[in-house]
Amino acid sequence: MSLTSELASPRSPLAAWCGRTFTGTASVVEQIATAVRDVRPVRPVGEVPARWWAEVGGAFGQRLADPVQPAPPYYALLGLIQAKWASPAWAHDQAARYPSHRDLTAEYRARALHIRSAAGSWLDLGGPGERHLPGNPAAEVVWADFLERGRTYLARHAPTGTLGTLTELKHEFLQLKRSFC
């Protein structure tokens, strides 16, 4: 079942949870619908590579996930290690800076990229030993700034349990529209 169908279903546990957790969401949705009522859908011109749809969907999914639990972008950080743009130690440090991981013990913070929250506890997905791969200090500075700006934006404009204000959501919508036109 798609997310849209799940949220539209009157008996959906997910829809009920969202209704309880994101109080005021119906009002925001109504305001957004009113604000964009006369806006035509934006469609890419010409053929679009299939992977772009997945990438946009992934970014949108992450934007929806952040207000539920602002956790590290695990796969992005692992990708930076794999690309040799970041060292594992740097990636663990960045993961530990996310709200979901800030209160972990020092031992878990040092391995934060492998730690996932579970119902009432934490899962450690790390292996027996981690290879010590070198990173690229210049790339780490750039990525650290990028990640910090994302964390700052979410803390300021979309704290846990809040999608954002109408003004901010309308701004994001307009930015997305401009990028496709």
N, C-alpha and C. Protein backbone atom coordinates (compact mmCIF):
# COMPACT_ATOMS: atom_id res chain seq x y z
N MET A 1 0.85 -1.17 0.00
CA MET A 1 0.00 0.00 0.00
C MET A 1 0.90 1.24 0.00
N SER A 2 0.55 2.24 -0.78
CA SER A 2 1.35 3.46 -0.83
C SER A 2 1.13 4.27 0.44
N LEU A 3 2.06 5.19 0.69
CA LEU A 3 1.93 6.07 1.86
C LEU A 3 0.65 6.89 1.76
N THR A 4 0.35 7.39 0.57
CA THR A 4 -0.86 8.20 0.38
C THR A 4 -2.11 7.40 0.72
N SER A 5 -2.17 6.17 0.22
CA SER A 5 -3.33 5.31 0.50
C SER A 5 -3.41 4.99 1.99
N GLU A 6 -2.26 4.70 2.58
CA GLU A 6 -2.22 4.38 4.01
C GLU A 6 -2.74 5.54 4.84
N LEU A 7 -2.31 6.74 4.53
CA LEU A 7 -2.73 7.91 5.31
C LEU A 7 -4.19 8.29 5.05
N ALA A 8 -4.72 7.91 3.89
CA ALA A 8 -6.11 8.24 3.57
C ALA A 8 -7.09 7.23 4.18
N SER A 9 -6.59 6.08 4.57
CA SER A 9 -7.46 5.04 5.11
C SER A 9 -7.92 5.40 6.52
N PRO A 10 -9.24 5.39 6.77
CA PRO A 10 -9.74 5.77 8.11
C PRO A 10 -9.35 4.77 9.21
N ARG A 11 -9.01 3.53 8.84
CA ARG A 11 -8.63 2.53 9.85
C ARG A 11 -7.13 2.30 9.93
N SER A 12 -6.36 3.14 9.30
CA SER A 12 -4.91 2.96 9.26
C SER A 12 -4.26 3.33 10.59
N PRO A 13 -3.50 2.41 11.19
CA PRO A 13 -2.77 2.75 12.41
C PRO A 13 -1.74 3.86 12.17
N LEU A 14 -1.13 3.86 10.97
CA LEU A 14 -0.17 4.92 10.67
C LEU A 14 -0.86 6.27 10.60
N ALA A 15 -2.01 6.33 9.96
CA ALA A 15 -2.75 7.59 9.88
C ALA A 15 -3.16 8.06 11.27
N ALA A 16 -3.59 7.14 12.12
CA ALA A 16 -3.97 7.51 13.49
C ALA A 16 -2.76 8.03 14.26
N TRP A 17 -1.62 7.37 14.10
CA TRP A 17 -0.40 7.82 14.79
C TRP A 17 0.01 9.21 14.30
N CYS A 18 -0.02 9.43 12.98
CA CYS A 18 0.33 10.75 12.45
C CYS A 18 -0.62 11.81 12.98
N GLY A 19 -1.91 11.48 13.05
CA GLY A 19 -2.89 12.43 13.57
C GLY A 19 -2.60 12.83 15.01
N ARG A 20 -2.16 11.84 15.82
CA ARG A 20 -1.83 12.13 17.22
C ARG A 20 -0.49 12.86 17.34
N THR A 21 0.47 12.46 16.54
CA THR A 21 1.83 12.99 16.67
C THR A 21 1.99 14.36 16.03
N PHE A 22 1.43 14.52 14.86
CA PHE A 22 1.57 15.78 14.14
C PHE A 22 0.30 16.60 14.29
N THR A 23 0.02 17.03 15.51
CA THR A 23 -1.18 17.82 15.74
C THR A 23 -1.14 19.08 14.88
N GLY A 24 -2.27 19.42 14.34
CA GLY A 24 -2.35 20.60 13.48
C GLY A 24 -2.03 20.31 12.02
N THR A 25 -1.67 19.07 11.71
CA THR A 25 -1.31 18.73 10.34
C THR A 25 -2.46 18.99 9.37
N ALA A 26 -3.68 18.62 9.77
CA ALA A 26 -4.83 18.82 8.88
C ALA A 26 -4.97 20.29 8.51
N SER A 27 -4.75 21.17 9.46
CA SER A 27 -4.83 22.60 9.20
C SER A 27 -3.74 23.04 8.22
N VAL A 28 -2.54 22.53 8.42
CA VAL A 28 -1.44 22.88 7.51
C VAL A 28 -1.73 22.36 6.11
N VAL A 29 -2.21 21.12 6.00
CA VAL A 29 -2.54 20.55 4.70
C VAL A 29 -3.60 21.40 4.00
N GLU A 30 -4.62 21.80 4.75
CA GLU A 30 -5.69 22.66 4.20
C GLU A 30 -5.11 23.98 3.69
N GLN A 31 -4.21 24.59 4.46
CA GLN A 31 -3.61 25.86 4.06
C GLN A 31 -2.74 25.69 2.82
N ILE A 32 -1.99 24.59 2.76
CA ILE A 32 -1.15 24.34 1.58
C ILE A 32 -2.03 24.11 0.36
N ALA A 33 -3.08 23.30 0.53
CA ALA A 33 -3.99 23.03 -0.59
C ALA A 33 -4.59 24.33 -1.12
N THR A 34 -4.96 25.23 -0.23
CA THR A 34 -5.51 26.52 -0.64
C THR A 34 -4.45 27.36 -1.35
N ALA A 35 -3.24 27.35 -0.82
CA ALA A 35 -2.16 28.16 -1.39
C ALA A 35 -1.75 27.70 -2.79
N VAL A 36 -1.87 26.41 -3.06
CA VAL A 36 -1.40 25.89 -4.35
C VAL A 36 -2.55 25.47 -5.27
N ARG A 37 -3.77 25.83 -4.88
CA ARG A 37 -4.96 25.41 -5.65
C ARG A 37 -4.85 25.74 -7.13
N ASP A 38 -4.34 26.90 -7.47
CA ASP A 38 -4.28 27.33 -8.87
C ASP A 38 -2.91 27.07 -9.50
N VAL A 39 -2.06 26.33 -8.82
CA VAL A 39 -0.73 26.04 -9.34
C VAL A 39 -0.79 24.72 -10.12
N ARG A 40 -0.35 24.77 -11.36
CA ARG A 40 -0.35 23.56 -12.17
C ARG A 40 0.80 22.65 -11.73
N PRO A 41 0.61 21.33 -11.80
CA PRO A 41 1.69 20.42 -11.43
C PRO A 41 2.92 20.66 -12.30
N VAL A 42 4.07 20.49 -11.71
CA VAL A 42 5.32 20.67 -12.41
C VAL A 42 5.75 19.31 -12.95
N ARG A 43 5.99 19.26 -14.22
CA ARG A 43 6.44 18.02 -14.85
C ARG A 43 7.77 18.29 -15.54
N PRO A 44 8.71 17.38 -15.43
CA PRO A 44 9.98 17.56 -16.13
C PRO A 44 9.75 17.58 -17.65
N VAL A 45 10.58 18.33 -18.34
CA VAL A 45 10.50 18.39 -19.80
C VAL A 45 11.32 17.23 -20.35
N GLY A 46 10.74 16.45 -21.21
CA GLY A 46 11.46 15.34 -21.83
C GLY A 46 11.60 14.13 -20.91
N GLU A 47 12.43 13.21 -21.36
CA GLU A 47 12.67 11.98 -20.60
C GLU A 47 13.52 12.26 -19.37
N VAL A 48 13.19 11.59 -18.31
CA VAL A 48 13.92 11.72 -17.06
C VAL A 48 14.45 10.34 -16.71
N PRO A 49 15.75 10.23 -16.38
CA PRO A 49 16.27 8.91 -15.99
C PRO A 49 15.47 8.34 -14.82
N ALA A 50 15.19 7.05 -14.87
CA ALA A 50 14.37 6.40 -13.85
C ALA A 50 14.93 6.60 -12.44
N ARG A 51 16.24 6.61 -12.30
CA ARG A 51 16.83 6.75 -10.97
C ARG A 51 16.53 8.11 -10.34
N TRP A 52 16.25 9.13 -11.15
CA TRP A 52 15.93 10.45 -10.60
C TRP A 52 14.67 10.39 -9.78
N TRP A 53 13.68 9.62 -10.22
CA TRP A 53 12.44 9.51 -9.46
C TRP A 53 12.73 8.93 -8.08
N ALA A 54 13.58 7.92 -8.04
CA ALA A 54 13.94 7.31 -6.75
C ALA A 54 14.70 8.31 -5.88
N GLU A 55 15.59 9.09 -6.49
CA GLU A 55 16.37 10.06 -5.72
C GLU A 55 15.47 11.15 -5.14
N VAL A 56 14.53 11.66 -5.93
CA VAL A 56 13.60 12.67 -5.43
C VAL A 56 12.72 12.05 -4.35
N GLY A 57 12.24 10.84 -4.59
CA GLY A 57 11.43 10.15 -3.59
C GLY A 57 12.19 9.92 -2.30
N GLY A 58 13.47 9.57 -2.41
CA GLY A 58 14.30 9.37 -1.22
C GLY A 58 14.48 10.66 -0.44
N ALA A 59 14.72 11.75 -1.16
CA ALA A 59 14.89 13.05 -0.49
C ALA A 59 13.59 13.47 0.19
N PHE A 60 12.47 13.26 -0.48
CA PHE A 60 11.18 13.62 0.10
C PHE A 60 10.89 12.73 1.31
N GLY A 61 11.19 11.44 1.19
CA GLY A 61 10.99 10.52 2.31
C GLY A 61 11.82 10.92 3.51
N GLN A 62 13.06 11.34 3.26
CA GLN A 62 13.92 11.78 4.36
C GLN A 62 13.36 13.03 5.02
N ARG A 63 12.82 13.94 4.20
CA ARG A 63 12.24 15.18 4.74
C ARG A 63 11.04 14.88 5.63
N LEU A 64 10.29 13.83 5.28
CA LEU A 64 9.17 13.42 6.12
C LEU A 64 9.64 12.65 7.35
N ALA A 65 10.73 11.92 7.22
CA ALA A 65 11.23 11.12 8.35
C ALA A 65 11.87 12.00 9.43
N ASP A 66 12.51 13.08 9.03
CA ASP A 66 13.23 13.91 9.99
C ASP A 66 12.37 14.41 11.15
N PRO A 67 11.14 14.88 10.92
CA PRO A 67 10.34 15.32 12.07
C PRO A 67 9.90 14.17 12.99
N VAL A 68 9.91 12.93 12.47
CA VAL A 68 9.54 11.79 13.30
C VAL A 68 10.72 11.42 14.19
N GLN A 69 11.88 11.26 13.60
CA GLN A 69 13.09 10.99 14.37
C GLN A 69 14.28 11.52 13.58
N PRO A 70 14.87 12.64 14.02
CA PRO A 70 16.00 13.20 13.29
C PRO A 70 17.27 12.37 13.52
N ALA A 71 17.37 11.30 12.75
CA ALA A 71 18.49 10.37 12.86
C ALA A 71 19.52 10.68 11.78
N PRO A 72 20.72 10.19 11.94
CA PRO A 72 21.76 10.44 10.94
C PRO A 72 21.37 9.87 9.58
N PRO A 73 21.89 10.47 8.51
CA PRO A 73 21.69 9.90 7.18
C PRO A 73 22.69 8.75 6.99
N TYR A 74 22.37 7.61 7.58
CA TYR A 74 23.30 6.49 7.66
C TYR A 74 23.94 6.14 6.32
N TYR A 75 23.12 5.93 5.30
CA TYR A 75 23.67 5.46 4.03
C TYR A 75 24.48 6.53 3.32
N ALA A 76 24.12 7.78 3.50
CA ALA A 76 24.92 8.85 2.92
C ALA A 76 26.30 8.89 3.58
N LEU A 77 26.34 8.76 4.90
CA LEU A 77 27.63 8.75 5.61
C LEU A 77 28.46 7.53 5.22
N LEU A 78 27.82 6.38 5.11
CA LEU A 78 28.54 5.18 4.68
C LEU A 78 29.06 5.36 3.25
N GLY A 79 28.28 6.03 2.42
CA GLY A 79 28.72 6.31 1.05
C GLY A 79 29.92 7.23 1.01
N LEU A 80 29.98 8.20 1.90
CA LEU A 80 31.15 9.10 1.96
C LEU A 80 32.40 8.32 2.35
N ILE A 81 32.25 7.35 3.24
CA ILE A 81 33.39 6.50 3.61
C ILE A 81 33.82 5.68 2.40
N GLN A 82 32.85 5.05 1.74
CA GLN A 82 33.15 4.19 0.60
C GLN A 82 33.83 4.98 -0.52
N ALA A 83 33.43 6.23 -0.70
CA ALA A 83 34.02 7.08 -1.74
C ALA A 83 35.38 7.65 -1.33
N LYS A 84 35.79 7.34 -0.10
CA LYS A 84 37.06 7.84 0.47
C LYS A 84 37.06 9.35 0.66
N TRP A 85 35.86 9.92 0.83
CA TRP A 85 35.74 11.34 1.13
C TRP A 85 35.74 11.58 2.62
N ALA A 86 35.52 10.52 3.39
CA ALA A 86 35.45 10.66 4.84
C ALA A 86 35.99 9.40 5.51
N SER A 87 36.56 9.60 6.67
CA SER A 87 37.04 8.46 7.45
C SER A 87 35.90 7.93 8.31
N PRO A 88 35.96 6.67 8.73
CA PRO A 88 34.93 6.15 9.64
C PRO A 88 34.82 6.98 10.92
N ALA A 89 35.93 7.40 11.48
CA ALA A 89 35.89 8.19 12.73
C ALA A 89 35.11 9.49 12.51
N TRP A 90 35.33 10.15 11.39
CA TRP A 90 34.61 11.38 11.07
C TRP A 90 33.12 11.09 10.92
N ALA A 91 32.78 10.01 10.21
CA ALA A 91 31.37 9.67 9.98
C ALA A 91 30.67 9.33 11.30
N HIS A 92 31.35 8.63 12.20
CA HIS A 92 30.76 8.33 13.51
C HIS A 92 30.52 9.63 14.28
N ASP A 93 31.47 10.53 14.21
CA ASP A 93 31.32 11.82 14.90
C ASP A 93 30.12 12.59 14.35
N GLN A 94 29.98 12.61 13.03
CA GLN A 94 28.84 13.31 12.42
C GLN A 94 27.52 12.65 12.83
N ALA A 95 27.47 11.32 12.81
CA ALA A 95 26.25 10.61 13.21
C ALA A 95 25.88 10.94 14.65
N ALA A 96 26.88 11.05 15.50
CA ALA A 96 26.63 11.33 16.92
C ALA A 96 26.07 12.73 17.16
N ARG A 97 26.14 13.60 16.19
CA ARG A 97 25.66 14.97 16.33
C ARG A 97 24.15 15.11 16.07
N TYR A 98 23.52 14.04 15.58
CA TYR A 98 22.08 14.10 15.30
C TYR A 98 21.30 13.94 16.59
N PRO A 99 20.14 14.61 16.68
CA PRO A 99 19.36 14.57 17.93
C PRO A 99 19.08 13.16 18.45
N SER A 100 18.85 12.22 17.56
CA SER A 100 18.55 10.86 18.01
C SER A 100 19.73 10.22 18.74
N HIS A 101 20.93 10.68 18.46
CA HIS A 101 22.14 10.05 18.98
C HIS A 101 22.89 10.88 20.03
N ARG A 102 22.46 12.09 20.27
CA ARG A 102 23.21 13.00 21.16
C ARG A 102 23.36 12.48 22.58
N ASP A 103 22.39 11.73 23.08
CA ASP A 103 22.44 11.27 24.48
C ASP A 103 23.01 9.87 24.64
N LEU A 104 23.60 9.34 23.60
CA LEU A 104 24.22 8.02 23.70
C LEU A 104 25.44 8.07 24.61
N THR A 105 25.82 6.92 25.14
CA THR A 105 27.05 6.85 25.93
C THR A 105 28.25 7.14 25.03
N ALA A 106 29.37 7.47 25.63
CA ALA A 106 30.58 7.76 24.85
C ALA A 106 30.97 6.58 23.96
N GLU A 107 30.81 5.37 24.48
CA GLU A 107 31.14 4.17 23.71
C GLU A 107 30.27 4.08 22.45
N TYR A 108 28.98 4.32 22.60
CA TYR A 108 28.08 4.28 21.44
C TYR A 108 28.29 5.47 20.52
N ARG A 109 28.58 6.64 21.06
CA ARG A 109 28.82 7.82 20.22
C ARG A 109 30.02 7.61 19.32
N ALA A 110 31.02 6.90 19.82
CA ALA A 110 32.22 6.63 19.03
C ALA A 110 31.92 5.69 17.87
N ARG A 111 30.80 5.00 17.92
CA ARG A 111 30.39 4.05 16.88
C ARG A 111 28.99 4.40 16.37
N ALA A 112 28.62 5.67 16.46
CA ALA A 112 27.24 6.12 16.23
C ALA A 112 26.67 5.73 14.87
N LEU A 113 27.50 5.61 13.88
CA LEU A 113 27.02 5.28 12.54
C LEU A 113 26.43 3.86 12.50
N HIS A 114 26.84 3.00 13.42
CA HIS A 114 26.35 1.62 13.45
C HIS A 114 25.23 1.41 14.47
N ILE A 115 24.84 2.46 15.16
CA ILE A 115 23.83 2.35 16.21
C ILE A 115 22.49 2.84 15.68
N ARG A 116 21.47 2.00 15.79
CA ARG A 116 20.11 2.35 15.33
C ARG A 116 19.15 2.22 16.49
N SER A 117 18.22 3.15 16.57
CA SER A 117 17.22 3.06 17.63
C SER A 117 16.21 1.98 17.28
N ALA A 118 15.74 1.34 18.32
CA ALA A 118 14.69 0.33 18.20
C ALA A 118 13.67 0.62 19.30
N ALA A 119 12.58 -0.05 19.27
CA ALA A 119 11.54 0.19 20.28
C ALA A 119 12.11 -0.02 21.68
N GLY A 120 12.38 1.07 22.37
CA GLY A 120 12.84 1.02 23.76
C GLY A 120 14.29 0.67 23.96
N SER A 121 15.07 0.50 22.91
CA SER A 121 16.49 0.17 23.08
C SER A 121 17.26 0.59 21.83
N TRP A 122 18.48 0.11 21.73
CA TRP A 122 19.33 0.42 20.58
C TRP A 122 19.85 -0.87 19.98
N LEU A 123 20.02 -0.87 18.66
CA LEU A 123 20.63 -1.99 17.95
C LEU A 123 22.03 -1.58 17.54
N ASP A 124 22.98 -2.47 17.72
CA ASP A 124 24.35 -2.23 17.30
C ASP A 124 24.58 -3.07 16.05
N LEU A 125 24.68 -2.42 14.91
CA LEU A 125 24.84 -3.13 13.64
C LEU A 125 26.28 -3.22 13.19
N GLY A 126 27.21 -2.79 14.03
CA GLY A 126 28.62 -2.83 13.68
C GLY A 126 29.17 -4.24 13.71
N GLY A 127 30.17 -4.45 12.89
CA GLY A 127 30.81 -5.75 12.85
C GLY A 127 31.86 -5.89 13.94
N PRO A 128 32.58 -7.02 13.91
CA PRO A 128 33.57 -7.27 14.95
C PRO A 128 34.73 -6.27 14.95
N GLY A 129 35.08 -5.78 13.81
CA GLY A 129 36.17 -4.81 13.72
C GLY A 129 35.96 -3.91 12.53
N GLU A 130 36.36 -2.68 12.66
CA GLU A 130 36.15 -1.74 11.57
C GLU A 130 37.50 -1.40 10.96
N ARG A 131 37.51 -1.43 9.65
CA ARG A 131 38.74 -1.03 8.96
C ARG A 131 38.95 0.46 9.17
N HIS A 132 40.18 0.84 9.32
CA HIS A 132 40.50 2.26 9.49
C HIS A 132 40.89 2.83 8.14
N LEU A 133 39.91 3.31 7.44
CA LEU A 133 40.13 3.89 6.13
C LEU A 133 40.44 5.37 6.26
N PRO A 134 41.35 5.85 5.44
CA PRO A 134 41.63 7.29 5.51
C PRO A 134 40.51 8.07 4.85
N GLY A 135 40.31 9.27 5.30
CA GLY A 135 39.32 10.15 4.70
C GLY A 135 40.03 11.23 3.92
N ASN A 136 39.29 12.19 3.45
CA ASN A 136 39.83 13.34 2.76
C ASN A 136 39.49 14.55 3.62
N PRO A 137 40.47 15.08 4.36
CA PRO A 137 40.17 16.18 5.29
C PRO A 137 39.48 17.38 4.63
N ALA A 138 39.86 17.71 3.41
CA ALA A 138 39.22 18.85 2.73
C ALA A 138 37.74 18.54 2.44
N ALA A 139 37.46 17.33 2.00
CA ALA A 139 36.06 16.94 1.74
C ALA A 139 35.28 16.87 3.04
N GLU A 140 35.90 16.38 4.11
CA GLU A 140 35.22 16.29 5.40
C GLU A 140 34.77 17.66 5.89
N VAL A 141 35.57 18.69 5.66
CA VAL A 141 35.19 20.05 6.07
C VAL A 141 33.95 20.49 5.31
N VAL A 142 33.92 20.24 4.02
CA VAL A 142 32.77 20.64 3.20
C VAL A 142 31.52 19.88 3.62
N TRP A 143 31.64 18.55 3.78
CA TRP A 143 30.48 17.74 4.16
C TRP A 143 30.02 18.07 5.58
N ALA A 144 30.95 18.34 6.47
CA ALA A 144 30.56 18.70 7.85
C ALA A 144 29.72 19.97 7.85
N ASP A 145 30.12 20.95 7.05
CA ASP A 145 29.35 22.19 6.95
C ASP A 145 27.97 21.92 6.39
N PHE A 146 27.89 21.11 5.34
CA PHE A 146 26.62 20.77 4.72
C PHE A 146 25.69 20.08 5.72
N LEU A 147 26.20 19.09 6.44
CA LEU A 147 25.39 18.35 7.41
C LEU A 147 24.96 19.25 8.57
N GLU A 148 25.85 20.12 9.02
CA GLU A 148 25.51 21.02 10.12
C GLU A 148 24.40 21.99 9.71
N ARG A 149 24.48 22.49 8.47
CA ARG A 149 23.41 23.38 7.99
C ARG A 149 22.08 22.65 7.96
N GLY A 150 22.08 21.38 7.59
CA GLY A 150 20.84 20.59 7.60
C GLY A 150 20.31 20.40 9.00
N ARG A 151 21.19 20.07 9.94
CA ARG A 151 20.76 19.89 11.33
C ARG A 151 20.23 21.20 11.90
N THR A 152 20.88 22.30 11.59
CA THR A 152 20.46 23.61 12.08
C THR A 152 19.09 23.98 11.50
N TYR A 153 18.90 23.73 10.22
CA TYR A 153 17.62 24.02 9.58
C TYR A 153 16.50 23.24 10.25
N LEU A 154 16.71 21.94 10.43
CA LEU A 154 15.67 21.12 11.05
C LEU A 154 15.38 21.55 12.48
N ALA A 155 16.41 21.86 13.24
CA ALA A 155 16.20 22.29 14.62
C ALA A 155 15.41 23.59 14.68
N ARG A 156 15.68 24.48 13.75
CA ARG A 156 15.04 25.80 13.76
C ARG A 156 13.65 25.78 13.13
N HIS A 157 13.49 25.04 12.03
CA HIS A 157 12.26 25.14 11.26
C HIS A 157 11.36 23.90 11.28
N ALA A 158 11.89 22.76 11.69
CA ALA A 158 11.07 21.54 11.68
C ALA A 158 11.51 20.62 12.82
N PRO A 159 11.37 21.08 14.06
CA PRO A 159 11.76 20.22 15.17
C PRO A 159 10.91 18.95 15.20
N THR A 160 11.36 17.97 15.94
CA THR A 160 10.66 16.69 16.02
C THR A 160 9.18 16.91 16.29
N GLY A 161 8.35 16.25 15.48
CA GLY A 161 6.90 16.35 15.63
C GLY A 161 6.28 17.50 14.87
N THR A 162 7.08 18.26 14.11
CA THR A 162 6.58 19.43 13.38
C THR A 162 7.06 19.36 11.94
N LEU A 163 6.15 19.42 11.00
CA LEU A 163 6.56 19.44 9.60
C LEU A 163 7.14 20.79 9.22
N GLY A 164 6.70 21.84 9.86
CA GLY A 164 7.16 23.19 9.56
C GLY A 164 5.97 24.12 9.53
N THR A 165 6.26 25.39 9.42
CA THR A 165 5.18 26.36 9.34
C THR A 165 4.73 26.47 7.89
N LEU A 166 3.56 27.02 7.68
CA LEU A 166 3.03 27.17 6.32
C LEU A 166 4.00 27.96 5.45
N THR A 167 4.55 29.04 5.99
CA THR A 167 5.47 29.88 5.22
C THR A 167 6.68 29.07 4.76
N GLU A 168 7.23 28.26 5.68
CA GLU A 168 8.41 27.48 5.32
C GLU A 168 8.08 26.38 4.32
N LEU A 169 6.94 25.71 4.50
CA LEU A 169 6.56 24.66 3.57
C LEU A 169 6.27 25.24 2.19
N LYS A 170 5.63 26.41 2.15
CA LYS A 170 5.36 27.05 0.86
C LYS A 170 6.68 27.43 0.19
N HIS A 171 7.65 27.92 0.97
CA HIS A 171 8.97 28.26 0.44
C HIS A 171 9.64 27.01 -0.14
N GLU A 172 9.59 25.89 0.59
CA GLU A 172 10.19 24.64 0.09
C GLU A 172 9.51 24.20 -1.20
N PHE A 173 8.18 24.30 -1.24
CA PHE A 173 7.44 23.92 -2.44
C PHE A 173 7.87 24.78 -3.62
N LEU A 174 7.98 26.09 -3.42
CA LEU A 174 8.37 26.98 -4.51
C LEU A 174 9.80 26.72 -4.95
N GLN A 175 10.69 26.41 -4.01
CA GLN A 175 12.07 26.07 -4.37
C GLN A 175 12.09 24.81 -5.23
N LEU A 176 11.32 23.80 -4.85
CA LEU A 176 11.25 22.56 -5.61
C LEU A 176 10.69 22.81 -6.98
N LYS A 177 9.65 23.64 -7.07
CA LYS A 177 9.04 23.97 -8.36
C LYS A 177 10.07 24.65 -9.26
N ARG A 178 10.81 25.61 -8.72
CA ARG A 178 11.82 26.33 -9.53
C ARG A 178 12.89 25.38 -10.04
N SER A 179 13.25 24.39 -9.26
CA SER A 179 14.32 23.48 -9.68
C SER A 179 13.89 22.61 -10.84
N PHE A 180 12.59 22.39 -11.04
CA PHE A 180 12.10 21.57 -12.15
C PHE A 180 11.75 22.38 -13.38
N CYS A 181 11.64 23.70 -13.24
CA CYS A 181 11.22 24.53 -14.38
C CYS A 181 12.40 24.99 -15.20
